[in-house]
Amino acid sequence: MFRVQCLLLTFFLSLNLNASDLSAFKSEMMKQVDIYNAYSTQPEIEKLFVEGKASVANQKLKTLVPDHEKTKYDYFVLGNMLFQNDFEASYNYMLKAEQRDPDNPLISFERAIHEHRLGNYAKALDYYLRYQKSGASKVNVIPDAYLTHVYLMLGQADKALESWKGVNFRRTHTAVEKAMYTIFSKVNQESDRQELISKIRLGEPLRLCDLHSLDSNWEIDWWNHTPKKSYLEYDQKLAESILDPASALFKYVQLCQSGSKISDQQYVDELNKLGFFSELPESSELIYESLRRAISTKHTTPDAFLKTFEDKLIAFSEKYPLDRKYFDVLAFLYSSSGNKEKLKAIDRHGWKVLKLEKYAQSYLASLDPGSDEYMTALDESLRDFPFSIGLNIYRLSIEKQRTRDAFIQFAAAQFANVKNNWAGPYRLNDYMTNLKYELEKLDK
């Protein structure tokens, strides 16, 4: 569903704005928030989301107020509401808000967030500084945290460390870490769901398994996932409307939908009844989950599964080169069987085509760290995944000439990975303290 991007507005609404122009902006903007929120929660709009028609719902929201009647307040609110579901539209709306009110610090902050998220660090820096110079950030430490990361990415460690002082991390750590989700999370579940439902209706019914998995684990933020009840109810009705209840396909989908409620052994027993181990169904989600449970119950081994189904899995992966779970399955099987050359090819595909960091790391692990090939691949992978902790550790372990840069980039990467160190043992403050220590050692 739509949700106004909470980060700015939460702080914005808590501000005690003294400047009359900002107070007026807040008052007028809130009128538009009420209008758009009332519209977006109507049953008609909610129904579009449930049916996997997010793009239609987005378009209705965009046209609620005709373009020739839109004001800076409309653009500002729309830019917030579409930030997650339609980032390109969000970006363009905030540009239009800026064109109409270029000196508004609150719009500058939003522009900074957009540019930061896109990796345009010099632009983001300029907008963050505009926001800070306005004085509107006095009760908001998030800009200092964002500035710290931007300075690190620009290689300006001294300014990053100075900016970090304003964060007071021990007091504000929860807010700061949650704020990183806005910058670094790229998920668009509504779009993913719309694409899945489209594929299901166009003749890929076993995508219902993928759909159930998505809707059962809906991401609220990095640390919270929850089932989407209305979506799951629709998924079940969709299966019933397009599949024969007596068909094997329907029974496979039922198994996907009920899998979390039964034991691994019960799951494997159902697979046997359906003939899964004789003829793999064309569903990466189902194969992935079934293999996991079959190995758990010792019904099969990775080597036995690979020997029986390697050709079929390769055929599926060639037919669906963007379906990561086919490659996850093949990578697991090749790794378990010790087939390094085939694993290397899968890793290359996962890295370059699927754009997945874990595959780049696995690819590097297959190379000799002392070889030119390794150094070339490390540089290339760091360009693709600058926030990878693992790759930055590889760099630190072999860096000879640019150690200062390596330490700075390692600290910068931590900001995109707070989801992994939420419970410690080290958090952003520890990494910034360590950066200061390491740079002081190098400067001696």
Protein backbone atom coordinates (compact mmCIF):
# COMPACT_ATOMS: atom_id res chain seq x y z
CA MET A 1 0.00 0.00 0.00
CA PHE A 2 0.97 3.64 -0.14
CA ARG A 3 2.67 5.05 2.86
CA VAL A 4 4.04 8.52 3.29
CA GLN A 5 7.78 8.21 3.62
CA CYS A 6 8.01 8.36 7.39
CA LEU A 7 11.56 9.59 7.81
CA LEU A 8 11.20 13.26 6.95
CA LEU A 9 7.58 13.72 7.92
CA THR A 10 8.04 12.13 11.34
CA PHE A 11 10.76 14.62 12.18
CA PHE A 12 9.01 17.40 10.31
CA LEU A 13 5.81 17.06 12.30
CA SER A 14 7.76 17.04 15.56
CA LEU A 15 9.60 20.27 14.76
CA ASN A 16 8.73 23.43 16.58
CA LEU A 17 9.05 25.59 13.48
CA ASN A 18 9.70 29.21 14.29
CA ALA A 19 10.08 30.55 10.77
CA SER A 20 6.69 31.59 9.46
CA ASP A 21 7.35 30.29 5.96
CA LEU A 22 8.14 26.78 7.24
CA SER A 23 5.13 26.81 9.55
CA ALA A 24 2.95 27.82 6.60
CA PHE A 25 4.50 25.06 4.50
CA LYS A 26 3.71 22.53 7.21
CA SER A 27 0.10 23.68 7.44
CA GLU A 28 -0.55 23.57 3.70
CA MET A 29 1.34 20.34 3.23
CA MET A 30 -0.72 18.60 5.92
CA LYS A 31 -3.92 19.53 4.12
CA GLN A 32 -2.67 17.66 1.08
CA VAL A 33 -1.50 14.72 3.21
CA ASP A 34 -5.02 14.34 4.54
CA ILE A 35 -6.50 14.42 1.03
CA TYR A 36 -4.09 11.88 -0.44
CA ASN A 37 -4.23 9.57 2.57
CA ALA A 38 -8.04 9.59 2.55
CA TYR A 39 -8.03 8.71 -1.12
CA SER A 40 -5.37 6.02 -0.88
CA THR A 41 -7.24 4.17 1.89
CA GLN A 42 -10.49 3.91 -0.07
CA PRO A 43 -11.68 0.32 -0.71
CA GLU A 44 -11.21 0.80 -4.45
CA ILE A 45 -7.49 1.56 -4.05
CA GLU A 46 -6.93 -1.16 -1.46
CA LYS A 47 -8.60 -3.65 -3.82
CA LEU A 48 -6.17 -2.74 -6.60
CA PHE A 49 -3.22 -3.52 -4.37
CA VAL A 50 -4.75 -6.81 -3.23
CA GLU A 51 -5.24 -7.83 -6.86
CA GLY A 52 -1.64 -7.01 -7.74
CA LYS A 53 -2.38 -3.82 -9.66
CA ALA A 54 -0.02 -1.47 -7.85
CA SER A 55 0.85 0.45 -11.01
CA VAL A 56 -2.84 1.22 -11.59
CA ALA A 57 -3.19 2.41 -7.99
CA ASN A 58 -0.07 4.56 -8.39
CA GLN A 59 -1.46 6.13 -11.53
CA LYS A 60 -4.77 6.94 -9.85
CA LEU A 61 -2.92 8.66 -7.04
CA LYS A 62 -0.80 10.66 -9.49
CA THR A 63 -3.89 11.92 -11.31
CA LEU A 64 -6.04 12.62 -8.24
CA VAL A 65 -5.11 16.27 -8.69
CA PRO A 66 -4.72 17.28 -12.38
CA ASP A 67 -1.18 18.30 -13.31
CA HIS A 68 -2.17 21.88 -14.09
CA GLU A 69 -3.58 22.21 -10.57
CA LYS A 70 -0.71 20.58 -8.66
CA THR A 71 1.22 22.78 -6.24
CA LYS A 72 4.53 22.30 -4.48
CA TYR A 73 2.59 20.70 -1.64
CA ASP A 74 1.13 18.08 -3.98
CA TYR A 75 4.56 17.33 -5.41
CA PHE A 76 6.12 17.12 -1.97
CA VAL A 77 3.48 14.70 -0.64
CA LEU A 78 3.44 12.56 -3.80
CA GLY A 79 7.23 12.39 -3.71
CA ASN A 80 6.97 10.94 -0.21
CA MET A 81 4.09 8.55 -0.87
CA LEU A 82 5.63 7.02 -4.00
CA PHE A 83 9.18 6.78 -2.63
CA GLN A 84 9.02 3.02 -2.16
CA ASN A 85 6.53 1.93 -4.84
CA ASP A 86 7.63 4.18 -7.71
CA PHE A 87 11.00 5.74 -7.00
CA GLU A 88 11.38 7.31 -10.44
CA ALA A 89 8.07 9.17 -10.07
CA SER A 90 9.00 10.12 -6.50
CA TYR A 91 12.28 11.60 -7.72
CA ASN A 92 10.59 13.61 -10.46
CA TYR A 93 7.89 14.94 -8.16
CA MET A 94 10.47 16.16 -5.67
CA LEU A 95 12.31 17.89 -8.52
CA LYS A 96 9.10 19.74 -9.35
CA ALA A 97 8.62 20.69 -5.71
CA GLU A 98 12.15 22.09 -5.71
CA GLN A 99 11.53 24.05 -8.91
CA ARG A 100 8.60 25.78 -7.22
CA ASP A 101 10.36 26.39 -3.89
CA PRO A 102 14.14 26.06 -4.40
CA ASP A 103 15.10 27.51 -1.02
CA ASN A 104 12.83 25.32 1.10
CA PRO A 105 15.11 23.34 3.44
CA LEU A 106 12.58 20.54 3.87
CA ILE A 107 12.49 19.96 0.14
CA SER A 108 16.30 20.13 0.12
CA PHE A 109 16.41 17.32 2.65
CA GLU A 110 14.17 15.17 0.46
CA ARG A 111 16.30 15.92 -2.57
CA ALA A 112 19.36 14.92 -0.57
CA ILE A 113 17.78 11.58 0.31
CA HIS A 114 16.94 10.87 -3.33
CA GLU A 115 20.44 11.71 -4.56
CA HIS A 116 22.05 9.79 -1.70
CA ARG A 117 19.99 6.70 -2.54
CA LEU A 118 21.14 6.95 -6.17
CA GLY A 119 24.79 7.22 -5.16
CA ASN A 120 25.14 10.85 -6.30
CA TYR A 121 27.14 11.77 -3.23
CA ALA A 122 28.38 15.23 -4.24
CA LYS A 123 24.81 16.32 -5.02
CA ALA A 124 23.51 14.76 -1.82
CA LEU A 125 26.19 16.59 0.18
CA ASP A 126 25.13 19.93 -1.23
CA TYR A 127 21.47 19.35 -0.33
CA TYR A 128 22.22 18.05 3.17
CA LEU A 129 24.36 21.10 3.86
CA ARG A 130 21.58 23.40 2.64
CA TYR A 131 19.20 21.70 5.03
CA GLN A 132 21.61 22.01 7.93
CA LYS A 133 22.41 25.67 7.25
CA SER A 134 18.70 26.48 7.41
CA GLY A 135 18.60 25.53 11.09
CA ALA A 136 15.67 23.18 10.52
CA SER A 137 17.79 20.21 11.57
CA LYS A 138 18.42 21.27 15.16
CA VAL A 139 16.31 18.46 16.64
CA ASN A 140 17.08 15.96 13.89
CA VAL A 141 20.32 13.97 14.10
CA ILE A 142 19.58 11.91 10.97
CA PRO A 143 21.16 14.46 8.58
CA ASP A 144 24.40 14.21 10.55
CA ALA A 145 24.33 10.43 10.16
CA TYR A 146 23.60 10.68 6.45
CA LEU A 147 26.28 13.34 6.03
CA THR A 148 28.77 11.05 7.74
CA HIS A 149 28.16 8.36 5.15
CA VAL A 150 28.28 10.81 2.24
CA TYR A 151 31.60 12.25 3.47
CA LEU A 152 33.00 8.72 3.75
CA MET A 153 31.93 7.92 0.19
CA LEU A 154 33.65 11.10 -0.97
CA GLY A 155 36.81 10.09 0.89
CA GLN A 156 36.58 12.98 3.35
CA ALA A 157 37.19 11.05 6.55
CA ASP A 158 37.95 14.03 8.78
CA LYS A 159 34.63 15.68 7.92
CA ALA A 160 32.85 12.37 8.38
CA LEU A 161 34.28 11.96 11.86
CA GLU A 162 33.33 15.55 12.74
CA SER A 163 29.79 15.05 11.45
CA TRP A 164 29.49 11.82 13.41
CA LYS A 165 30.00 13.72 16.66
CA GLY A 166 26.64 15.41 16.11
CA VAL A 167 24.83 12.06 15.94
CA ASN A 168 25.22 11.19 19.64
CA PHE A 169 24.86 7.55 18.64
CA ARG A 170 24.57 6.12 22.14
CA ARG A 171 21.36 8.08 22.63
CA THR A 172 19.96 7.91 19.08
CA HIS A 173 21.20 4.54 17.78
CA THR A 174 17.78 3.03 17.10
CA ALA A 175 16.55 6.00 15.05
CA VAL A 176 19.85 6.26 13.16
CA GLU A 177 20.00 2.57 12.27
CA LYS A 178 16.37 2.51 11.15
CA ALA A 179 16.97 5.61 9.04
CA MET A 180 19.55 3.70 7.00
CA TYR A 181 16.73 1.52 5.62
CA THR A 182 15.41 4.54 3.70
CA ILE A 183 18.71 5.00 1.89
CA PHE A 184 19.86 1.45 1.32
CA SER A 185 16.75 -0.71 0.94
CA LYS A 186 15.81 -1.16 -2.70
CA VAL A 187 12.89 -3.56 -2.27
CA ASN A 188 9.69 -2.89 -4.19
CA GLN A 189 7.44 -5.71 -3.12
CA GLU A 190 4.30 -4.30 -4.73
CA SER A 191 6.04 -4.28 -8.10
CA ASP A 192 7.40 -7.80 -7.54
CA ARG A 193 3.92 -8.99 -6.61
CA GLN A 194 2.34 -7.39 -9.66
CA GLU A 195 4.89 -9.11 -11.92
CA LEU A 196 4.26 -12.50 -10.30
CA ILE A 197 0.49 -12.25 -10.64
CA SER A 198 0.90 -11.24 -14.27
CA LYS A 199 3.08 -14.30 -14.95
CA ILE A 200 0.58 -16.55 -13.17
CA ARG A 201 -2.28 -15.28 -15.32
CA LEU A 202 -0.17 -15.63 -18.46
CA GLY A 203 0.42 -19.33 -17.89
CA GLU A 204 2.93 -19.91 -15.09
CA PRO A 205 0.62 -21.21 -12.34
CA LEU A 206 3.41 -22.55 -10.12
CA ARG A 207 4.50 -18.95 -9.59
CA LEU A 208 1.73 -19.12 -7.00
CA CYS A 209 4.37 -20.70 -4.77
CA ASP A 210 6.60 -17.64 -5.20
CA LEU A 211 3.61 -15.40 -4.56
CA HIS A 212 2.74 -17.20 -1.34
CA SER A 213 6.34 -16.93 -0.15
CA LEU A 214 6.41 -13.18 -0.85
CA ASP A 215 3.09 -12.47 0.84
CA SER A 216 3.89 -14.68 3.84
CA ASN A 217 7.07 -12.72 4.61
CA TRP A 218 6.20 -9.13 3.75
CA GLU A 219 9.10 -6.84 4.62
CA ILE A 220 8.23 -3.90 6.87
CA ASP A 221 11.87 -3.04 7.37
CA TRP A 222 15.09 -5.03 7.59
CA TRP A 223 14.16 -6.48 10.96
CA ASN A 224 10.41 -7.04 10.65
CA HIS A 225 8.48 -9.32 8.32
CA THR A 226 4.83 -10.21 8.58
CA PRO A 227 2.15 -12.11 6.61
CA LYS A 228 -0.15 -9.93 4.49
CA LYS A 229 -3.49 -11.50 5.33
CA SER A 230 -5.59 -9.86 2.61
CA TYR A 231 -2.96 -10.69 0.00
CA LEU A 232 -2.73 -14.33 1.10
CA GLU A 233 -6.51 -14.69 0.94
CA TYR A 234 -6.45 -13.36 -2.60
CA ASP A 235 -3.62 -15.74 -3.53
CA GLN A 236 -5.70 -18.72 -2.45
CA LYS A 237 -8.74 -17.53 -4.42
CA LEU A 238 -6.52 -16.94 -7.45
CA ALA A 239 -5.25 -20.53 -7.29
CA GLU A 240 -8.79 -21.86 -7.05
CA SER A 241 -9.92 -19.77 -10.00
CA ILE A 242 -7.24 -20.87 -12.48
CA LEU A 243 -6.43 -24.46 -11.47
CA ASP A 244 -8.38 -27.68 -11.50
CA PRO A 245 -8.69 -28.77 -7.83
CA ALA A 246 -7.95 -32.36 -8.90
CA SER A 247 -4.76 -31.47 -10.76
CA ALA A 248 -1.22 -32.07 -9.56
CA LEU A 249 -0.48 -28.37 -10.09
CA PHE A 250 -3.19 -27.38 -7.65
CA LYS A 251 -1.94 -29.88 -5.10
CA TYR A 252 1.60 -28.53 -5.46
CA VAL A 253 0.31 -25.01 -4.83
CA GLN A 254 -1.65 -26.25 -1.81
CA LEU A 255 1.56 -27.78 -0.50
CA CYS A 256 3.37 -24.45 -0.94
CA GLN A 257 0.59 -22.64 0.87
CA SER A 258 0.40 -25.07 3.77
CA GLY A 259 4.09 -25.96 4.00
CA SER A 260 4.83 -23.89 7.08
CA LYS A 261 2.17 -25.79 9.04
CA ILE A 262 3.49 -29.31 8.47
CA SER A 263 6.69 -31.14 9.37
CA ASP A 264 9.51 -31.78 6.93
CA GLN A 265 8.60 -35.47 6.84
CA GLN A 266 4.95 -34.74 6.06
CA TYR A 267 6.08 -32.35 3.34
CA VAL A 268 8.34 -34.98 1.75
CA ASP A 269 5.59 -37.60 1.98
CA GLU A 270 3.31 -35.29 0.00
CA LEU A 271 6.07 -34.74 -2.56
CA ASN A 272 6.35 -38.49 -3.04
CA LYS A 273 2.62 -38.81 -3.60
CA LEU A 274 2.79 -36.12 -6.27
CA GLY A 275 5.75 -37.72 -8.06
CA PHE A 276 8.12 -34.82 -7.37
CA PHE A 277 11.21 -37.04 -7.25
CA SER A 278 10.40 -38.56 -10.63
CA GLU A 279 9.63 -35.36 -12.55
CA LEU A 280 10.62 -31.95 -11.22
CA PRO A 281 7.87 -29.33 -11.52
CA GLU A 282 8.81 -26.05 -13.20
CA SER A 283 9.01 -23.95 -10.04
CA SER A 284 12.26 -22.73 -8.51
CA GLU A 285 10.52 -21.86 -5.23
CA LEU A 286 9.05 -25.35 -4.93
CA ILE A 287 12.31 -27.06 -5.92
CA TYR A 288 14.31 -24.93 -3.48
CA GLU A 289 12.03 -25.65 -0.54
CA SER A 290 11.56 -29.31 -1.44
CA LEU A 291 15.30 -29.92 -1.71
CA ARG A 292 15.85 -28.30 1.67
CA ARG A 293 13.28 -30.54 3.31
CA ALA A 294 14.34 -33.67 1.47
CA ILE A 295 17.92 -33.24 2.69
CA SER A 296 16.70 -32.43 6.20
CA THR A 297 14.81 -35.74 6.35
CA LYS A 298 17.68 -37.62 4.62
CA HIS A 299 15.29 -38.59 1.84
CA THR A 300 18.04 -37.64 -0.61
CA THR A 301 21.55 -36.23 -0.68
CA PRO A 302 22.93 -33.31 -2.70
CA ASP A 303 24.97 -35.70 -4.86
CA ALA A 304 22.00 -37.96 -5.57
CA PHE A 305 19.71 -35.05 -6.39
CA LEU A 306 22.32 -33.51 -8.68
CA LYS A 307 22.95 -36.80 -10.49
CA THR A 308 19.25 -37.27 -11.18
CA PHE A 309 18.20 -33.72 -12.00
CA GLU A 310 21.25 -31.74 -13.14
CA ASP A 311 20.18 -31.59 -16.79
CA LYS A 312 16.67 -30.55 -15.83
CA LEU A 313 17.90 -27.83 -13.48
CA ILE A 314 20.28 -26.49 -16.11
CA ALA A 315 17.42 -26.40 -18.63
CA PHE A 316 15.26 -24.48 -16.18
CA SER A 317 18.07 -22.03 -15.41
CA GLU A 318 18.60 -21.39 -19.13
CA LYS A 319 14.88 -20.86 -19.65
CA TYR A 320 14.64 -18.50 -16.66
CA PRO A 321 18.05 -16.76 -16.45
CA LEU A 322 16.74 -14.15 -14.00
CA ASP A 323 15.19 -16.61 -11.54
CA ARG A 324 17.77 -16.65 -8.78
CA LYS A 325 16.49 -19.72 -6.94
CA TYR A 326 17.40 -22.06 -9.81
CA PHE A 327 20.94 -20.73 -9.50
CA ASP A 328 20.84 -20.94 -5.70
CA VAL A 329 19.94 -24.63 -6.01
CA LEU A 330 22.67 -25.31 -8.59
CA ALA A 331 25.24 -23.38 -6.55
CA PHE A 332 24.39 -25.39 -3.44
CA LEU A 333 24.59 -28.69 -5.30
CA TYR A 334 27.87 -27.89 -7.07
CA SER A 335 29.39 -26.62 -3.85
CA SER A 336 28.32 -29.79 -2.01
CA SER A 337 29.73 -32.00 -4.73
CA GLY A 338 32.99 -30.06 -4.95
CA ASN A 339 32.57 -29.17 -8.63
CA LYS A 340 34.54 -25.92 -8.59
CA GLU A 341 34.45 -25.17 -12.30
CA LYS A 342 30.70 -25.48 -12.63
CA LEU A 343 30.23 -23.51 -9.41
CA LYS A 344 32.47 -20.78 -10.80
CA ALA A 345 30.24 -20.43 -13.87
CA ILE A 346 27.13 -20.20 -11.68
CA ASP A 347 28.86 -17.63 -9.47
CA ARG A 348 29.74 -15.53 -12.50
CA HIS A 349 26.13 -15.54 -13.65
CA GLY A 350 24.84 -14.73 -10.17
CA TRP A 351 27.28 -11.85 -9.93
CA LYS A 352 26.99 -10.31 -13.38
CA VAL A 353 23.43 -11.16 -14.44
CA LEU A 354 21.52 -11.46 -11.17
CA LYS A 355 23.60 -8.70 -9.54
CA LEU A 356 23.93 -10.60 -6.26
CA GLU A 357 26.78 -9.86 -3.89
CA LYS A 358 27.06 -13.37 -2.44
CA TYR A 359 27.89 -14.77 -5.85
CA ALA A 360 30.69 -12.25 -6.35
CA GLN A 361 32.17 -13.30 -3.01
CA SER A 362 31.90 -16.97 -3.93
CA TYR A 363 33.54 -16.28 -7.29
CA LEU A 364 36.48 -14.56 -5.59
CA ALA A 365 36.80 -17.45 -3.16
CA SER A 366 37.56 -19.72 -6.14
CA LEU A 367 40.58 -17.62 -7.19
CA ASP A 368 44.16 -17.47 -5.96
CA PRO A 369 44.44 -14.30 -3.81
CA GLY A 370 47.93 -13.75 -5.16
CA SER A 371 46.90 -13.78 -8.81
CA ASP A 372 46.27 -10.87 -11.15
CA GLU A 373 42.88 -12.42 -11.92
CA TYR A 374 41.93 -12.11 -8.25
CA MET A 375 42.94 -8.44 -8.06
CA THR A 376 41.01 -7.62 -11.24
CA ALA A 377 37.93 -9.46 -10.01
CA LEU A 378 38.15 -7.82 -6.57
CA ASP A 379 38.31 -4.31 -8.04
CA GLU A 380 35.46 -5.12 -10.40
CA SER A 381 33.28 -6.64 -7.68
CA LEU A 382 33.87 -3.68 -5.34
CA ARG A 383 32.68 -1.35 -8.08
CA ASP A 384 29.52 -3.43 -8.33
CA PHE A 385 29.06 -3.89 -4.57
CA PRO A 386 30.83 -1.04 -2.75
CA PHE A 387 28.92 -1.77 0.48
CA SER A 388 29.80 -5.45 0.69
CA ILE A 389 31.38 -6.18 4.05
CA GLY A 390 32.94 -9.39 2.81
CA LEU A 391 34.51 -7.80 -0.26
CA ASN A 392 35.83 -4.88 1.76
CA ILE A 393 37.40 -7.33 4.19
CA TYR A 394 39.08 -9.03 1.22
CA ARG A 395 40.39 -5.64 0.17
CA LEU A 396 41.71 -4.81 3.64
CA SER A 397 43.49 -8.15 3.81
CA ILE A 398 45.53 -7.51 0.65
CA GLU A 399 45.60 -3.72 0.29
CA LYS A 400 49.14 -2.40 0.09
CA GLN A 401 49.09 1.12 -1.33
CA ARG A 402 45.63 2.49 -0.55
CA THR A 403 45.03 1.27 2.98
CA ARG A 404 43.60 4.63 4.09
CA ASP A 405 40.94 4.42 1.37
CA ALA A 406 40.27 0.80 2.28
CA PHE A 407 39.59 1.68 5.93
CA ILE A 408 37.29 4.53 4.91
CA GLN A 409 35.33 2.36 2.51
CA PHE A 410 35.05 -0.41 5.11
CA ALA A 411 33.48 2.04 7.57
CA ALA A 412 31.15 3.39 4.87
CA ALA A 413 29.97 -0.13 4.07
CA GLN A 414 28.78 -0.59 7.64
CA PHE A 415 26.06 2.04 7.17
CA ALA A 416 24.40 -0.12 4.51
CA ASN A 417 24.68 -3.20 6.71
CA VAL A 418 23.18 -2.15 10.03
CA LYS A 419 20.57 -4.87 9.50
CA ASN A 420 23.34 -7.40 10.18
CA ASN A 421 24.75 -5.83 13.34
CA TRP A 422 21.55 -4.66 15.02
CA ALA A 423 22.29 -6.89 18.01
CA GLY A 424 26.04 -6.33 17.99
CA PRO A 425 28.69 -7.08 18.93
CA TYR A 426 29.77 -4.03 16.90
CA ARG A 427 27.61 -1.13 15.78
CA LEU A 428 28.17 2.01 13.75
CA ASN A 429 29.76 3.87 16.63
CA ASP A 430 32.34 1.12 17.05
CA TYR A 431 33.27 1.19 13.38
CA MET A 432 33.60 4.98 13.36
CA THR A 433 35.77 4.83 16.48
CA ASN A 434 37.92 2.17 14.86
CA LEU A 435 38.24 4.26 11.69
CA LYS A 436 39.50 7.20 13.75
CA TYR A 437 42.01 4.93 15.49
CA GLU A 438 43.31 3.36 12.26
CA LEU A 439 43.66 6.70 10.47
CA GLU A 440 45.53 8.21 13.42
CA LYS A 441 47.94 5.27 13.28
CA LEU A 442 48.52 5.81 9.56
CA ASP A 443 49.11 9.54 10.04
CA LYS A 444 51.83 9.06 12.64
